[in-house]
Amino acid sequence: MNKSIIKSVVQFILLMLSQIVIFNNIDFLGYINPYPYILFLLLFPFTSNRSLLILTAFVSGLLMDIFGDSGGIHAAACLTLAYLRPVALRIAFGVSYEYNTIRISNTTLYERFVYITILVVIHHFVLFLLEVFNISSILYILQKTLFTSIFTILLCILFTIFFGRPKQ
């Protein structure tokens, strides 16, 4: 079996387990709960099959829904993230994405921050919009999206810095 496939499977399992065991139990200020499990979808190989990404997004969201008893909102948010990922890649990395030459470990911190921020905010907005499902609570949805996104973005940036491949 390919070494990168084994590495990806291990990353997926570790991120899902850490989300289920640790991060789902964090309830900062009553409503801030980070979701770093989406980092796997953000770092999914850029040159791989898009259908595989969408399938992986659905499975990861479904697992979160099963363990969180959330009725499909994580699956919908992850599918939205996977579907809009090429747009975020184009915005954050520009020409490098167009020519399939990007590696997350070779990008600047600013590019990484823009890419992660776009997709985390989209994921969280869809997640909380479906969770509340009441347009009259839009300020609450935006507030929850903002604060949870900040926490998740910080964790994702830290994970990519500390656990990313060192530059040669």
Protein backbone atom coordinates (compact mmCIF):
# COMPACT_ATOMS: atom_id res chain seq x y z
CA MET A 1 0.00 0.00 0.00
CA ASN A 2 1.19 3.50 -0.78
CA LYS A 3 2.91 5.35 2.09
CA SER A 4 0.88 8.54 1.52
CA ILE A 5 -2.40 6.61 1.69
CA ILE A 6 -1.43 5.10 5.04
CA LYS A 7 -0.40 8.54 6.30
CA SER A 8 -3.73 10.02 5.18
CA VAL A 9 -5.74 7.26 6.86
CA VAL A 10 -3.81 7.74 10.11
CA GLN A 11 -4.34 11.53 9.95
CA PHE A 12 -8.06 11.02 9.33
CA ILE A 13 -8.44 8.65 12.27
CA LEU A 14 -6.41 10.86 14.63
CA LEU A 15 -8.32 14.02 13.72
CA MET A 16 -11.70 12.31 14.04
CA LEU A 17 -10.77 10.70 17.38
CA SER A 18 -9.40 13.96 18.77
CA GLN A 19 -12.57 15.75 17.68
CA ILE A 20 -14.86 13.14 19.22
CA VAL A 21 -12.92 12.59 22.45
CA ILE A 22 -11.44 16.04 23.16
CA PHE A 23 -12.88 18.89 21.11
CA ASN A 24 -16.55 17.90 21.27
CA ASN A 25 -16.27 18.22 25.06
CA ILE A 26 -14.92 21.78 24.95
CA ASP A 27 -17.69 24.29 25.54
CA PHE A 28 -15.92 27.60 26.01
CA LEU A 29 -18.24 30.44 27.17
CA GLY A 30 -21.25 28.20 26.62
CA TYR A 31 -21.22 28.11 22.82
CA ILE A 32 -17.69 28.05 21.41
CA ASN A 33 -16.75 24.55 20.28
CA PRO A 34 -13.78 24.13 17.88
CA TYR A 35 -14.01 21.78 14.91
CA PRO A 36 -10.43 20.99 13.81
CA TYR A 37 -11.55 17.71 12.20
CA ILE A 38 -12.13 19.70 9.00
CA LEU A 39 -8.37 20.17 8.74
CA PHE A 40 -8.25 16.79 7.01
CA LEU A 41 -10.52 18.12 4.27
CA LEU A 42 -8.50 21.31 4.01
CA LEU A 43 -5.23 19.42 3.61
CA PHE A 44 -6.63 16.67 1.38
CA PRO A 45 -4.19 16.26 -1.56
CA PHE A 46 -4.86 19.06 -4.02
CA THR A 47 -4.20 16.93 -7.08
CA SER A 48 -6.37 13.97 -6.07
CA ASN A 49 -9.76 13.06 -7.45
CA ARG A 50 -12.48 15.57 -6.50
CA SER A 51 -15.06 12.80 -6.17
CA LEU A 52 -12.90 11.16 -3.53
CA LEU A 53 -12.74 14.46 -1.65
CA ILE A 54 -16.52 14.81 -1.71
CA LEU A 55 -16.96 11.20 -0.55
CA THR A 56 -14.44 11.74 2.25
CA ALA A 57 -16.21 14.96 3.25
CA PHE A 58 -19.51 13.14 3.44
CA VAL A 59 -18.06 10.28 5.51
CA SER A 60 -16.29 12.61 7.94
CA GLY A 61 -19.42 14.74 8.35
CA LEU A 62 -21.55 11.64 8.78
CA LEU A 63 -19.22 10.30 11.48
CA MET A 64 -19.45 13.62 13.33
CA ASP A 65 -23.23 13.52 13.02
CA ILE A 66 -23.37 9.98 14.36
CA PHE A 67 -21.15 10.71 17.36
CA GLY A 68 -22.65 14.14 17.97
CA ASP A 69 -26.29 13.20 17.31
CA SER A 70 -26.64 16.26 15.09
CA GLY A 71 -28.93 15.02 12.34
CA GLY A 72 -26.84 15.59 9.23
CA ILE A 73 -25.67 19.18 9.69
CA HIS A 74 -21.98 18.23 9.77
CA ALA A 75 -22.35 16.19 6.59
CA ALA A 76 -24.01 19.12 4.82
CA ALA A 77 -21.37 21.59 6.05
CA CYS A 78 -18.50 19.28 5.05
CA LEU A 79 -20.00 18.72 1.59
CA THR A 80 -20.31 22.48 1.14
CA LEU A 81 -16.67 22.87 2.19
CA ALA A 82 -15.54 20.18 -0.25
CA TYR A 83 -17.57 21.65 -3.08
CA LEU A 84 -16.23 25.19 -2.57
CA ARG A 85 -12.62 24.18 -1.87
CA PRO A 86 -11.39 24.82 -5.46
CA VAL A 87 -12.70 28.39 -5.25
CA ALA A 88 -10.87 28.98 -1.97
CA LEU A 89 -7.70 27.45 -3.41
CA ARG A 90 -7.89 29.77 -6.40
CA ILE A 91 -8.42 32.82 -4.16
CA ALA A 92 -5.66 31.94 -1.69
CA PHE A 93 -2.99 30.52 -3.99
CA GLY A 94 -3.82 31.94 -7.41
CA VAL A 95 -1.52 30.82 -10.21
CA SER A 96 0.13 28.12 -8.10
CA TYR A 97 -3.22 26.36 -7.83
CA GLU A 98 -3.94 26.74 -11.54
CA TYR A 99 -0.76 24.85 -12.39
CA ASN A 100 -1.11 22.28 -9.57
CA THR A 101 2.23 23.25 -8.07
CA ILE A 102 1.15 24.06 -4.52
CA ARG A 103 2.13 22.19 -1.41
CA ILE A 104 0.73 23.47 1.86
CA SER A 105 4.16 23.13 3.48
CA ASN A 106 5.67 25.47 0.86
CA THR A 107 3.08 28.24 1.19
CA THR A 108 3.42 31.42 3.18
CA LEU A 109 1.63 31.78 6.49
CA TYR A 110 -0.57 34.48 4.94
CA GLU A 111 -1.72 32.22 2.07
CA ARG A 112 -2.37 29.40 4.49
CA PHE A 113 -4.32 31.73 6.77
CA VAL A 114 -6.50 33.04 3.91
CA TYR A 115 -7.22 29.53 2.63
CA ILE A 116 -8.09 28.11 6.05
CA THR A 117 -10.14 31.17 7.03
CA ILE A 118 -12.31 31.11 3.92
CA LEU A 119 -13.24 27.45 4.26
CA VAL A 120 -13.62 27.42 8.05
CA VAL A 121 -15.97 30.40 7.99
CA ILE A 122 -18.05 28.84 5.20
CA HIS A 123 -18.19 25.49 7.01
CA HIS A 124 -19.16 27.04 10.33
CA PHE A 125 -21.75 29.37 8.82
CA VAL A 126 -23.50 26.49 7.05
CA LEU A 127 -23.22 24.33 10.18
CA PHE A 128 -24.75 26.91 12.52
CA LEU A 129 -27.33 28.07 9.99
CA LEU A 130 -28.60 24.49 9.75
CA GLU A 131 -28.31 23.98 13.51
CA VAL A 132 -30.44 27.01 14.40
CA PHE A 133 -32.52 26.94 11.19
CA ASN A 134 -34.22 30.22 11.99
CA ILE A 135 -33.39 33.33 9.96
CA SER A 136 -34.59 35.60 12.77
CA SER A 137 -31.59 34.36 14.79
CA ILE A 138 -29.09 35.53 12.18
CA LEU A 139 -27.14 37.65 14.67
CA TYR A 140 -26.71 34.65 16.96
CA ILE A 141 -25.64 32.52 13.98
CA LEU A 142 -23.09 35.14 12.88
CA GLN A 143 -21.78 35.55 16.43
CA LYS A 144 -21.40 31.81 16.91
CA THR A 145 -19.78 31.50 13.47
CA LEU A 146 -17.30 34.28 14.21
CA PHE A 147 -16.12 33.09 17.62
CA THR A 148 -16.02 29.40 16.80
CA SER A 149 -14.25 30.14 13.51
CA ILE A 150 -11.54 32.12 15.30
CA PHE A 151 -10.91 29.22 17.69
CA THR A 152 -10.92 26.63 14.89
CA ILE A 153 -8.68 28.74 12.62
CA LEU A 154 -6.12 29.14 15.40
CA LEU A 155 -6.09 25.40 16.05
CA CYS A 156 -5.78 24.57 12.35
CA ILE A 157 -2.92 27.03 11.84
CA LEU A 158 -1.14 25.66 14.90
CA PHE A 159 -1.63 22.07 13.72
CA THR A 160 -0.21 22.88 10.28
CA ILE A 161 2.78 24.63 11.82
CA PHE A 162 3.62 22.04 14.48
CA PHE A 163 2.68 18.85 12.65
CA GLY A 164 3.48 19.92 9.11
CA ARG A 165 6.47 18.64 7.25
CA PRO A 166 9.58 20.67 8.07
CA LYS A 167 11.02 22.67 5.18
CA GLN A 168 14.12 21.25 3.58
